[in-house]
């Protein structure tokens, strides 16, 4: 009898192992593949997103030699989002206000780009209401039809005819001669277009610009694809601190989005690598320090990928656990 029981036990174990192996083969075929390819639509050549993903590609190849990231540059984030929606790409950099952001799951937030409204130091304008009907210059590089710009201008009933493009070199002169009442730009804290505009104004006038607070809470409630944000003092220039106080405004997020069909463990591992290596990349790409995990409470319009959420929340299952659950 004992021998018969042992034989039955061994047979049962063999069947269990064969079943588990078959399940892994069916549900996780990438484990047995000689190479697992992930196609990524990046931003334009030379942009932070493109540079960061190029560095990240090297990190992935070191830790997972069988995983290959194929990066394809895009003319802009709009084009990157359209590529993602074509279904031919597994990952893409997209803005939160493009439909592509909601058609996939967020792995990480790369950065926030805020809309800032600057006036000269001696301007009588104290709020956006004081700028209605006045000429407002759009800093060159920000498209006239940018969705965030359009949303904020519509909120304050500022007419398109009162907006006009201006080159960086002409900002200070236009403010000094009162040809424009304000300058609007979209950018991130630290080095970039807004910081360059601030420096240009300081060089030409000897005084830093003032920043106008927006009714950020109301704008974000009406437009949930944007976020209320408070820029800290010194966000665009540390010495002297510019702005010299906090500024309330709204921001659009730039996200790395994955197909919903991407395997959870793959999405989770990519998310882990992104979040654990950002400090390493920050030495050469300072903006990498702004990379952060998405909110996982699922209350917003944009959701994290289930695999990313599992890693972030600490509920990520091992492959064995997933097979046993299946």
C-alpha atoms as a PDB file:
ATOM      1  CA  UNK A   1       0.000   0.000   0.000  1.00  0.00           C
ATOM      2  CA  UNK A   2       2.723   2.573   0.883  1.00  0.00           C
ATOM      3  CA  UNK A   3       4.368   1.972  -2.501  1.00  0.00           C
ATOM      4  CA  UNK A   4       1.071   2.485  -4.281  1.00  0.00           C
ATOM      5  CA  UNK A   5       0.452   5.727  -2.329  1.00  0.00           C
ATOM      6  CA  UNK A   6       3.935   6.968  -3.196  1.00  0.00           C
ATOM      7  CA  UNK A   7       3.345   6.216  -6.857  1.00  0.00           C
ATOM      8  CA  UNK A   8       0.039   8.072  -6.784  1.00  0.00           C
ATOM      9  CA  UNK A   9       1.702  11.019  -5.042  1.00  0.00           C
ATOM     10  CA  UNK A  10       4.528  11.154  -7.612  1.00  0.00           C
ATOM     11  CA  UNK A  11       2.037  10.867 -10.466  1.00  0.00           C
ATOM     12  CA  UNK A  12       0.012  13.705  -8.971  1.00  0.00           C
ATOM     13  CA  UNK A  13       3.085  15.903  -8.635  1.00  0.00           C
ATOM     14  CA  UNK A  14       4.089  15.202 -12.223  1.00  0.00           C
ATOM     15  CA  UNK A  15       0.610  16.125 -13.455  1.00  0.00           C
ATOM     16  CA  UNK A  16       0.690  19.296 -11.348  1.00  0.00           C
ATOM     17  CA  UNK A  17       4.106  20.313 -12.704  1.00  0.00           C
ATOM     18  CA  UNK A  18       3.089  19.570 -16.283  1.00  0.00           C
ATOM     19  CA  UNK A  19      -0.090  21.603 -15.782  1.00  0.00           C
ATOM     20  CA  UNK A  20       1.864  24.496 -14.301  1.00  0.00           C
ATOM     21  CA  UNK A  21       4.400  24.335 -17.131  1.00  0.00           C
ATOM     22  CA  UNK A  22       1.625  24.343 -19.714  1.00  0.00           C
ATOM     23  CA  UNK A  23      -0.016  27.306 -17.984  1.00  0.00           C
ATOM     24  CA  UNK A  24       3.241  29.254 -18.004  1.00  0.00           C
ATOM     25  CA  UNK A  25       3.711  28.448 -21.709  1.00  0.00           C
ATOM     26  CA  UNK A  26       0.180  29.640 -22.519  1.00  0.00           C
ATOM     27  CA  UNK A  27      -0.034  32.718 -20.296  1.00  0.00           C
ATOM     28  CA  UNK A  28       3.651  33.786 -20.196  1.00  0.00           C
ATOM     29  CA  UNK A  29       5.143  32.785 -23.582  1.00  0.00           C
ATOM     30  CA  UNK A  30       7.716  35.596 -23.384  1.00  0.00           C
ATOM     31  CA  UNK A  31       9.628  33.618 -20.719  1.00  0.00           C
ATOM     32  CA  UNK A  32      10.531  30.979 -23.320  1.00  0.00           C
ATOM     33  CA  UNK A  33      11.134  33.404 -26.180  1.00  0.00           C
ATOM     34  CA  UNK A  34      14.733  34.086 -27.256  1.00  0.00           C
ATOM     35  CA  UNK A  35      13.822  37.779 -27.422  1.00  0.00           C
ATOM     36  CA  UNK A  36      10.934  39.904 -26.137  1.00  0.00           C
ATOM     37  CA  UNK A  37      10.473  43.095 -28.153  1.00  0.00           C
ATOM     38  CA  UNK A  38       8.795  46.258 -26.877  1.00  0.00           C
ATOM     39  CA  UNK A  39       8.137  49.046 -29.378  1.00  0.00           C
ATOM     40  CA  UNK A  40       8.196  52.561 -27.932  1.00  0.00           C
ATOM     41  CA  UNK A  41       7.059  55.851 -29.509  1.00  0.00           C
ATOM     42  CA  UNK A  42       9.202  58.599 -27.989  1.00  0.00           C
ATOM     43  CA  UNK A  43       9.144  62.358 -28.297  1.00  0.00           C
ATOM     44  CA  UNK A  44      11.299  64.403 -30.705  1.00  0.00           C
ATOM     45  CA  UNK A  45      15.052  63.798 -31.052  1.00  0.00           C
ATOM     46  CA  UNK A  46      16.930  65.732 -28.397  1.00  0.00           C
ATOM     47  CA  UNK A  47      13.924  66.093 -26.096  1.00  0.00           C
ATOM     48  CA  UNK A  48      14.183  64.983 -22.474  1.00  0.00           C
ATOM     49  CA  UNK A  49      11.797  62.072 -23.054  1.00  0.00           C
ATOM     50  CA  UNK A  50      13.783  60.748 -26.010  1.00  0.00           C
ATOM     51  CA  UNK A  51      17.107  61.107 -24.182  1.00  0.00           C
ATOM     52  CA  UNK A  52      15.776  59.457 -21.037  1.00  0.00           C
ATOM     53  CA  UNK A  53      14.298  56.473 -22.879  1.00  0.00           C
ATOM     54  CA  UNK A  54      17.566  56.012 -24.795  1.00  0.00           C
ATOM     55  CA  UNK A  55      19.434  55.812 -21.477  1.00  0.00           C
ATOM     56  CA  UNK A  56      16.732  53.556 -20.053  1.00  0.00           C
ATOM     57  CA  UNK A  57      17.055  51.217 -23.043  1.00  0.00           C
ATOM     58  CA  UNK A  58      20.683  50.574 -22.097  1.00  0.00           C
ATOM     59  CA  UNK A  59      19.648  49.873 -18.500  1.00  0.00           C
ATOM     60  CA  UNK A  60      17.026  47.344 -19.628  1.00  0.00           C
ATOM     61  CA  UNK A  61      19.518  45.534 -21.884  1.00  0.00           C
ATOM     62  CA  UNK A  62      21.904  45.191 -18.922  1.00  0.00           C
ATOM     63  CA  UNK A  63      19.328  43.710 -16.564  1.00  0.00           C
ATOM     64  CA  UNK A  64      17.251  41.798 -19.129  1.00  0.00           C
ATOM     65  CA  UNK A  65      19.400  40.879 -22.164  1.00  0.00           C
ATOM     66  CA  UNK A  66      16.470  39.096 -23.861  1.00  0.00           C
ATOM     67  CA  UNK A  67      14.246  42.186 -23.688  1.00  0.00           C
ATOM     68  CA  UNK A  68      14.732  44.621 -26.563  1.00  0.00           C
ATOM     69  CA  UNK A  69      13.318  48.143 -26.581  1.00  0.00           C
ATOM     70  CA  UNK A  70      12.883  49.543 -30.083  1.00  0.00           C
ATOM     71  CA  UNK A  71      12.631  53.330 -29.874  1.00  0.00           C
ATOM     72  CA  UNK A  72      11.045  55.362 -32.645  1.00  0.00           C
ATOM     73  CA  UNK A  73      11.271  59.141 -32.488  1.00  0.00           C
ATOM     74  CA  UNK A  74       8.239  61.321 -33.141  1.00  0.00           C
ATOM     75  CA  UNK A  75       8.016  64.883 -34.374  1.00  0.00           C
ATOM     76  CA  UNK A  76       6.141  65.831 -31.199  1.00  0.00           C
ATOM     77  CA  UNK A  77       4.051  64.273 -28.438  1.00  0.00           C
ATOM     78  CA  UNK A  78       0.927  64.552 -30.585  1.00  0.00           C
ATOM     79  CA  UNK A  79       2.547  62.297 -33.179  1.00  0.00           C
ATOM     80  CA  UNK A  80       3.752  59.932 -30.456  1.00  0.00           C
ATOM     81  CA  UNK A  81       0.180  59.622 -29.154  1.00  0.00           C
ATOM     82  CA  UNK A  82      -1.172  58.956 -32.651  1.00  0.00           C
ATOM     83  CA  UNK A  83       1.395  56.194 -33.159  1.00  0.00           C
ATOM     84  CA  UNK A  84       0.292  54.606 -29.888  1.00  0.00           C
ATOM     85  CA  UNK A  85      -3.343  54.714 -30.940  1.00  0.00           C
ATOM     86  CA  UNK A  86      -2.457  52.908 -34.181  1.00  0.00           C
ATOM     87  CA  UNK A  87      -1.907  49.791 -32.072  1.00  0.00           C
ATOM     88  CA  UNK A  88       1.606  49.137 -33.401  1.00  0.00           C
ATOM     89  CA  UNK A  89       3.406  50.374 -30.286  1.00  0.00           C
ATOM     90  CA  UNK A  90       3.542  48.914 -26.794  1.00  0.00           C
ATOM     91  CA  UNK A  91       4.629  52.105 -24.998  1.00  0.00           C
ATOM     92  CA  UNK A  92       4.457  55.797 -25.826  1.00  0.00           C
ATOM     93  CA  UNK A  93       5.094  59.206 -24.324  1.00  0.00           C
ATOM     94  CA  UNK A  94       1.808  61.125 -24.367  1.00  0.00           C
ATOM     95  CA  UNK A  95       0.265  64.184 -22.770  1.00  0.00           C
ATOM     96  CA  UNK A  96      -2.561  63.682 -20.306  1.00  0.00           C
ATOM     97  CA  UNK A  97      -4.916  65.800 -22.458  1.00  0.00           C
ATOM     98  CA  UNK A  98      -4.637  63.483 -25.479  1.00  0.00           C
ATOM     99  CA  UNK A  99      -7.158  60.596 -25.798  1.00  0.00           C
ATOM    100  CA  UNK A 100      -4.223  58.162 -26.037  1.00  0.00           C
ATOM    101  CA  UNK A 101      -3.502  58.700 -22.340  1.00  0.00           C
ATOM    102  CA  UNK A 102      -6.885  57.222 -21.440  1.00  0.00           C
ATOM    103  CA  UNK A 103      -6.658  54.395 -23.992  1.00  0.00           C
ATOM    104  CA  UNK A 104      -3.765  52.748 -22.144  1.00  0.00           C
ATOM    105  CA  UNK A 105      -2.393  52.447 -18.631  1.00  0.00           C
ATOM    106  CA  UNK A 106       0.159  54.830 -17.129  1.00  0.00           C
ATOM    107  CA  UNK A 107       3.488  53.390 -15.958  1.00  0.00           C
ATOM    108  CA  UNK A 108       5.118  56.616 -14.760  1.00  0.00           C
ATOM    109  CA  UNK A 109       4.693  60.375 -14.983  1.00  0.00           C
ATOM    110  CA  UNK A 110       7.785  61.856 -16.583  1.00  0.00           C
ATOM    111  CA  UNK A 111       7.105  65.512 -15.901  1.00  0.00           C
ATOM    112  CA  UNK A 112       4.532  68.230 -15.417  1.00  0.00           C
ATOM    113  CA  UNK A 113       4.406  71.240 -17.735  1.00  0.00           C
ATOM    114  CA  UNK A 114       2.727  74.240 -16.136  1.00  0.00           C
ATOM    115  CA  UNK A 115       1.095  77.240 -17.745  1.00  0.00           C
ATOM    116  CA  UNK A 116       2.595  80.440 -16.339  1.00  0.00           C
ATOM    117  CA  UNK A 117       1.465  84.025 -16.908  1.00  0.00           C
ATOM    118  CA  UNK A 118       4.182  86.673 -16.447  1.00  0.00           C
ATOM    119  CA  UNK A 119       3.836  90.461 -16.283  1.00  0.00           C
ATOM    120  CA  UNK A 120       6.479  93.147 -15.806  1.00  0.00           C
ATOM    121  CA  UNK A 121       7.481  94.162 -12.280  1.00  0.00           C
ATOM    122  CA  UNK A 122       5.584  97.478 -12.528  1.00  0.00           C
ATOM    123  CA  UNK A 123       2.419  96.087 -14.131  1.00  0.00           C
ATOM    124  CA  UNK A 124      -0.872  97.078 -12.456  1.00  0.00           C
ATOM    125  CA  UNK A 125      -2.326  93.614 -13.243  1.00  0.00           C
ATOM    126  CA  UNK A 126      -2.972  91.599 -10.086  1.00  0.00           C
ATOM    127  CA  UNK A 127      -5.117  88.795 -11.498  1.00  0.00           C
ATOM    128  CA  UNK A 128      -6.148  87.251 -14.798  1.00  0.00           C
ATOM    129  CA  UNK A 129      -9.286  89.384 -14.804  1.00  0.00           C
ATOM    130  CA  UNK A 130      -7.059  92.459 -15.179  1.00  0.00           C
ATOM    131  CA  UNK A 131      -5.663  91.005 -18.432  1.00  0.00           C
ATOM    132  CA  UNK A 132      -8.988  90.454 -20.221  1.00  0.00           C
ATOM    133  CA  UNK A 133      -9.052  92.565 -23.367  1.00  0.00           C
ATOM    134  CA  UNK A 134      -5.270  93.194 -23.203  1.00  0.00           C
ATOM    135  CA  UNK A 135      -2.606  91.921 -25.585  1.00  0.00           C
ATOM    136  CA  UNK A 136      -0.947  88.727 -24.328  1.00  0.00           C
ATOM    137  CA  UNK A 137       2.183  87.320 -25.969  1.00  0.00           C
ATOM    138  CA  UNK A 138       2.604  83.552 -26.371  1.00  0.00           C
ATOM    139  CA  UNK A 139       6.237  82.545 -25.937  1.00  0.00           C
ATOM    140  CA  UNK A 140       7.608  81.078 -29.153  1.00  0.00           C
ATOM    141  CA  UNK A 141       7.619  77.283 -28.914  1.00  0.00           C
ATOM    142  CA  UNK A 142       4.144  77.077 -27.387  1.00  0.00           C
ATOM    143  CA  UNK A 143       1.632  76.302 -30.175  1.00  0.00           C
ATOM    144  CA  UNK A 144      -1.308  78.701 -30.560  1.00  0.00           C
ATOM    145  CA  UNK A 145      -3.681  75.739 -30.409  1.00  0.00           C
ATOM    146  CA  UNK A 146      -2.090  74.046 -27.388  1.00  0.00           C
ATOM    147  CA  UNK A 147      -5.025  72.405 -25.529  1.00  0.00           C
ATOM    148  CA  UNK A 148      -3.890  73.627 -22.094  1.00  0.00           C
ATOM    149  CA  UNK A 149      -3.413  77.186 -23.353  1.00  0.00           C
ATOM    150  CA  UNK A 150      -6.797  77.125 -25.054  1.00  0.00           C
ATOM    151  CA  UNK A 151      -8.488  75.752 -21.921  1.00  0.00           C
ATOM    152  CA  UNK A 152      -7.109  78.486 -19.654  1.00  0.00           C
ATOM    153  CA  UNK A 153      -7.794  81.305 -22.132  1.00  0.00           C
ATOM    154  CA  UNK A 154     -11.379  80.094 -22.599  1.00  0.00           C
ATOM    155  CA  UNK A 155     -11.844  79.909 -18.823  1.00  0.00           C
ATOM    156  CA  UNK A 156     -10.989  83.623 -18.554  1.00  0.00           C
ATOM    157  CA  UNK A 157     -12.838  84.583 -21.774  1.00  0.00           C
ATOM    158  CA  UNK A 158      -9.653  85.836 -23.422  1.00  0.00           C
ATOM    159  CA  UNK A 159     -10.220  86.130 -27.167  1.00  0.00           C
ATOM    160  CA  UNK A 160      -7.849  84.504 -29.693  1.00  0.00           C
ATOM    161  CA  UNK A 161      -7.353  87.916 -31.323  1.00  0.00           C
ATOM    162  CA  UNK A 162      -5.710  89.199 -28.132  1.00  0.00           C
ATOM    163  CA  UNK A 163      -3.029  86.504 -28.326  1.00  0.00           C
ATOM    164  CA  UNK A 164       0.084  86.665 -30.490  1.00  0.00           C
ATOM    165  CA  UNK A 165       3.433  84.874 -30.807  1.00  0.00           C
ATOM    166  CA  UNK A 166       6.639  86.477 -29.571  1.00  0.00           C
ATOM    167  CA  UNK A 167      10.279  85.441 -29.882  1.00  0.00           C
ATOM    168  CA  UNK A 168      12.401  85.011 -26.771  1.00  0.00           C
ATOM    169  CA  UNK A 169      14.641  87.929 -27.755  1.00  0.00           C
ATOM    170  CA  UNK A 170      11.653  90.297 -28.056  1.00  0.00           C
ATOM    171  CA  UNK A 171       9.913  89.579 -24.738  1.00  0.00           C
ATOM    172  CA  UNK A 172      11.587  92.155 -22.522  1.00  0.00           C
ATOM    173  CA  UNK A 173      11.288  94.972 -25.085  1.00  0.00           C
ATOM    174  CA  UNK A 174       7.615  94.272 -25.700  1.00  0.00           C
ATOM    175  CA  UNK A 175       6.861  94.374 -21.964  1.00  0.00           C
ATOM    176  CA  UNK A 176       8.956  97.519 -21.432  1.00  0.00           C
ATOM    177  CA  UNK A 177       7.260  99.379 -24.289  1.00  0.00           C
ATOM    178  CA  UNK A 178       3.881  98.070 -23.109  1.00  0.00           C
ATOM    179  CA  UNK A 179       3.175  96.491 -26.474  1.00  0.00           C
ATOM    180  CA  UNK A 180       1.942  93.467 -24.550  1.00  0.00           C
ATOM    181  CA  UNK A 181       0.470  93.289 -21.061  1.00  0.00           C
ATOM    182  CA  UNK A 182       1.706  89.776 -20.273  1.00  0.00           C
ATOM    183  CA  UNK A 183       3.632  86.784 -21.586  1.00  0.00           C
ATOM    184  CA  UNK A 184       2.265  83.254 -21.319  1.00  0.00           C
ATOM    185  CA  UNK A 185       4.370  80.111 -21.579  1.00  0.00           C
ATOM    186  CA  UNK A 186       4.116  76.392 -20.868  1.00  0.00           C
ATOM    187  CA  UNK A 187       7.067  74.596 -19.339  1.00  0.00           C
ATOM    188  CA  UNK A 188       8.565  72.691 -16.435  1.00  0.00           C
ATOM    189  CA  UNK A 189      10.494  74.062 -13.448  1.00  0.00           C
ATOM    190  CA  UNK A 190      14.251  74.137 -13.906  1.00  0.00           C
ATOM    191  CA  UNK A 191      16.097  74.626 -17.211  1.00  0.00           C
ATOM    192  CA  UNK A 192      13.816  75.280 -20.166  1.00  0.00           C
ATOM    193  CA  UNK A 193      11.785  77.816 -22.094  1.00  0.00           C
ATOM    194  CA  UNK A 194      10.240  79.556 -19.063  1.00  0.00           C
ATOM    195  CA  UNK A 195      13.588  79.932 -17.296  1.00  0.00           C
ATOM    196  CA  UNK A 196      15.133  81.393 -20.443  1.00  0.00           C
ATOM    197  CA  UNK A 197      12.281  83.907 -20.736  1.00  0.00           C
ATOM    198  CA  UNK A 198      12.748  84.919 -17.088  1.00  0.00           C
ATOM    199  CA  UNK A 199      16.471  85.505 -17.622  1.00  0.00           C
ATOM    200  CA  UNK A 200      15.789  87.556 -20.748  1.00  0.00           C
ATOM    201  CA  UNK A 201      13.401  89.831 -18.841  1.00  0.00           C
ATOM    202  CA  UNK A 202      15.849  90.254 -15.939  1.00  0.00           C
ATOM    203  CA  UNK A 203      18.732  91.097 -18.321  1.00  0.00           C
ATOM    204  CA  UNK A 204      16.716  93.699 -20.199  1.00  0.00           C
ATOM    205  CA  UNK A 205      14.835  95.367 -17.334  1.00  0.00           C
ATOM    206  CA  UNK A 206      16.965  94.652 -14.296  1.00  0.00           C
ATOM    207  CA  UNK A 207      13.878  93.329 -12.515  1.00  0.00           C
ATOM    208  CA  UNK A 208      12.260  89.879 -12.443  1.00  0.00           C
ATOM    209  CA  UNK A 209       8.746  89.415 -13.851  1.00  0.00           C
ATOM    210  CA  UNK A 210       5.744  88.852 -11.607  1.00  0.00           C
ATOM    211  CA  UNK A 211       3.705  85.694 -11.916  1.00  0.00           C
ATOM    212  CA  UNK A 212      -0.098  85.790 -11.929  1.00  0.00           C
ATOM    213  CA  UNK A 213      -1.956  83.144  -9.914  1.00  0.00           C
ATOM    214  CA  UNK A 214      -4.652  81.161 -11.728  1.00  0.00           C
ATOM    215  CA  UNK A 215      -7.914  79.874 -10.289  1.00  0.00           C
ATOM    216  CA  UNK A 216      -6.301  76.462 -10.498  1.00  0.00           C
ATOM    217  CA  UNK A 217      -8.814  74.481  -8.439  1.00  0.00           C
ATOM    218  CA  UNK A 218     -11.784  75.570 -10.542  1.00  0.00           C
ATOM    219  CA  UNK A 219      -9.944  74.981 -13.829  1.00  0.00           C
ATOM    220  CA  UNK A 220      -8.839  71.486 -12.769  1.00  0.00           C
ATOM    221  CA  UNK A 221     -12.351  70.551 -11.575  1.00  0.00           C
ATOM    222  CA  UNK A 222     -13.846  71.603 -14.905  1.00  0.00           C
ATOM    223  CA  UNK A 223     -10.997  69.963 -16.861  1.00  0.00           C
ATOM    224  CA  UNK A 224      -9.885  66.782 -15.001  1.00  0.00           C
ATOM    225  CA  UNK A 225      -7.157  65.992 -17.553  1.00  0.00           C
ATOM    226  CA  UNK A 226      -5.176  68.832 -15.963  1.00  0.00           C
ATOM    227  CA  UNK A 227      -3.861  69.176 -12.439  1.00  0.00           C
ATOM    228  CA  UNK A 228      -3.824  71.982  -9.938  1.00  0.00           C
ATOM    229  CA  UNK A 229      -0.202  72.692  -9.034  1.00  0.00           C
ATOM    230  CA  UNK A 230       1.694  75.087  -6.793  1.00  0.00           C
ATOM    231  CA  UNK A 231       5.092  76.125  -8.118  1.00  0.00           C
ATOM    232  CA  UNK A 232       7.553  76.786  -5.285  1.00  0.00           C
ATOM    233  CA  UNK A 233       9.595  79.946  -4.893  1.00  0.00           C
ATOM    234  CA  UNK A 234      12.721  79.689  -7.027  1.00  0.00           C
ATOM    235  CA  UNK A 235      11.118  77.242  -9.475  1.00  0.00           C
ATOM    236  CA  UNK A 236      12.653  78.963 -12.504  1.00  0.00           C
ATOM    237  CA  UNK A 237      15.700  80.708 -11.025  1.00  0.00           C
ATOM    238  CA  UNK A 238      17.325  79.909  -7.706  1.00  0.00           C
ATOM    239  CA  UNK A 239      19.404  83.079  -7.122  1.00  0.00           C
ATOM    240  CA  UNK A 240      17.640  85.393  -6.849  1.00  0.00           C
ATOM    241  CA  UNK A 241      14.556  83.249  -6.263  1.00  0.00           C
ATOM    242  CA  UNK A 242      12.164  83.638  -9.206  1.00  0.00           C
ATOM    243  CA  UNK A 243       9.321  83.532  -8.528  1.00  0.00           C
ATOM    244  CA  UNK A 244       9.876  84.962  -5.054  1.00  0.00           C
ATOM    245  CA  UNK A 245       6.725  83.273  -3.743  1.00  0.00           C
ATOM    246  CA  UNK A 246       4.515  80.304  -4.558  1.00  0.00           C
ATOM    247  CA  UNK A 247       2.471  80.442  -7.770  1.00  0.00           C
ATOM    248  CA  UNK A 248      -0.841  78.636  -8.206  1.00  0.00           C
ATOM    249  CA  UNK A 249      -1.438  77.325 -11.698  1.00  0.00           C
ATOM    250  CA  UNK A 250      -2.445  74.241 -13.716  1.00  0.00           C
ATOM    251  CA  UNK A 251      -0.300  71.643 -15.425  1.00  0.00           C
ATOM    252  CA  UNK A 252      -0.478  68.939 -18.051  1.00  0.00           C
ATOM    253  CA  UNK A 253       1.374  65.699 -17.320  1.00  0.00           C
ATOM    254  CA  UNK A 254       3.600  63.811 -19.743  1.00  0.00           C
ATOM    255  CA  UNK A 255       3.177  60.081 -19.181  1.00  0.00           C
ATOM    256  CA  UNK A 256       4.712  56.828 -20.330  1.00  0.00           C
ATOM    257  CA  UNK A 257       1.634  54.820 -21.260  1.00  0.00           C
ATOM    258  CA  UNK A 258       1.441  51.072 -21.963  1.00  0.00           C
ATOM    259  CA  UNK A 259      -1.071  49.028 -23.908  1.00  0.00           C
ATOM    260  CA  UNK A 260      -3.763  47.585 -21.691  1.00  0.00           C
ATOM    261  CA  UNK A 261      -2.891  44.203 -23.230  1.00  0.00           C
ATOM    262  CA  UNK A 262       0.696  44.339 -21.940  1.00  0.00           C
ATOM    263  CA  UNK A 263       1.321  41.531 -19.455  1.00  0.00           C
ATOM    264  CA  UNK A 264       1.082  42.753 -15.877  1.00  0.00           C
ATOM    265  CA  UNK A 265       4.448  41.341 -14.843  1.00  0.00           C
ATOM    266  CA  UNK A 266       6.153  43.008 -17.822  1.00  0.00           C
ATOM    267  CA  UNK A 267       4.515  46.368 -17.072  1.00  0.00           C
ATOM    268  CA  UNK A 268       5.410  45.975 -13.401  1.00  0.00           C
ATOM    269  CA  UNK A 269       9.057  45.217 -14.136  1.00  0.00           C
ATOM    270  CA  UNK A 270       9.403  48.185 -16.503  1.00  0.00           C
ATOM    271  CA  UNK A 271       7.833  50.412 -13.854  1.00  0.00           C
ATOM    272  CA  UNK A 272      10.226  49.061 -11.218  1.00  0.00           C
ATOM    273  CA  UNK A 273      13.255  49.783 -13.400  1.00  0.00           C
ATOM    274  CA  UNK A 274      12.018  53.277 -14.252  1.00  0.00           C
ATOM    275  CA  UNK A 275      11.483  54.246 -10.617  1.00  0.00           C
ATOM    276  CA  UNK A 276      14.626  52.615  -9.223  1.00  0.00           C
ATOM    277  CA  UNK A 277      16.998  54.049 -11.853  1.00  0.00           C
ATOM    278  CA  UNK A 278      15.701  57.641 -12.073  1.00  0.00           C
ATOM    279  CA  UNK A 279      18.219  58.865  -9.501  1.00  0.00           C
ATOM    280  CA  UNK A 280      21.043  57.316 -11.526  1.00  0.00           C
ATOM    281  CA  UNK A 281      19.976  59.165 -14.671  1.00  0.00           C
ATOM    282  CA  UNK A 282      19.405  62.463 -12.828  1.00  0.00           C
ATOM    283  CA  UNK A 283      23.173  63.036 -12.748  1.00  0.00           C
ATOM    284  CA  UNK A 284      23.227  63.597 -16.517  1.00  0.00           C
ATOM    285  CA  UNK A 285      19.527  64.305 -17.106  1.00  0.00           C
ATOM    286  CA  UNK A 286      18.375  66.532 -14.203  1.00  0.00           C
ATOM    287  CA  UNK A 287      14.715  66.333 -15.230  1.00  0.00           C
ATOM    288  CA  UNK A 288      14.823  62.582 -14.468  1.00  0.00           C
ATOM    289  CA  UNK A 289      14.471  63.590 -10.831  1.00  0.00           C
ATOM    290  CA  UNK A 290      10.909  64.701 -11.606  1.00  0.00           C
ATOM    291  CA  UNK A 291       9.800  61.203 -12.678  1.00  0.00           C
ATOM    292  CA  UNK A 292       7.170  59.840 -10.309  1.00  0.00           C
ATOM    293  CA  UNK A 293       4.704  57.020  -9.865  1.00  0.00           C
ATOM    294  CA  UNK A 294       1.087  57.635 -10.919  1.00  0.00           C
ATOM    295  CA  UNK A 295      -1.719  57.748  -8.378  1.00  0.00           C
ATOM    296  CA  UNK A 296      -3.200  54.269  -7.950  1.00  0.00           C
ATOM    297  CA  UNK A 297      -6.509  55.154  -6.272  1.00  0.00           C
ATOM    298  CA  UNK A 298      -8.317  54.902  -9.655  1.00  0.00           C
ATOM    299  CA  UNK A 299     -10.518  57.900  -8.880  1.00  0.00           C
ATOM    300  CA  UNK A 300      -9.225  60.027 -11.738  1.00  0.00           C
ATOM    301  CA  UNK A 301      -9.879  59.940 -15.467  1.00  0.00           C
ATOM    302  CA  UNK A 302      -6.467  58.414 -16.203  1.00  0.00           C
ATOM    303  CA  UNK A 303      -5.605  55.042 -14.677  1.00  0.00           C
ATOM    304  CA  UNK A 304      -2.303  53.272 -14.039  1.00  0.00           C
ATOM    305  CA  UNK A 305      -1.605  49.987 -15.803  1.00  0.00           C
ATOM    306  CA  UNK A 306      -2.628  47.116 -13.450  1.00  0.00           C
ATOM    307  CA  UNK A 307       0.951  45.789 -13.508  1.00  0.00           C
ATOM    308  CA  UNK A 308       2.365  49.194 -12.586  1.00  0.00           C
ATOM    309  CA  UNK A 309      -0.226  49.641  -9.839  1.00  0.00           C
ATOM    310  CA  UNK A 310       0.604  46.215  -8.389  1.00  0.00           C
ATOM    311  CA  UNK A 311       4.303  47.097  -8.186  1.00  0.00           C
ATOM    312  CA  UNK A 312       3.654  50.551  -6.724  1.00  0.00           C
ATOM    313  CA  UNK A 313       1.188  49.217  -4.124  1.00  0.00           C
ATOM    314  CA  UNK A 314       3.403  46.246  -3.235  1.00  0.00           C
ATOM    315  CA  UNK A 315       0.819  43.676  -4.347  1.00  0.00           C
ATOM    316  CA  UNK A 316       2.713  42.335  -7.358  1.00  0.00           C
ATOM    317  CA  UNK A 317       2.385  38.544  -7.628  1.00  0.00           C
ATOM    318  CA  UNK A 318       5.196  36.198  -8.616  1.00  0.00           C
ATOM    319  CA  UNK A 319       4.741  34.173 -11.791  1.00  0.00           C
ATOM    320  CA  UNK A 320       4.179  31.094  -9.601  1.00  0.00           C
ATOM    321  CA  UNK A 321       1.372  32.866  -7.722  1.00  0.00           C
ATOM    322  CA  UNK A 322      -0.217  34.008 -10.992  1.00  0.00           C
ATOM    323  CA  UNK A 323      -0.110  30.475 -12.436  1.00  0.00           C
ATOM    324  CA  UNK A 324      -1.590  29.003  -9.268  1.00  0.00           C
ATOM    325  CA  UNK A 325      -4.380  31.586  -9.343  1.00  0.00           C
ATOM    326  CA  UNK A 326      -5.087  30.780 -12.984  1.00  0.00           C
END
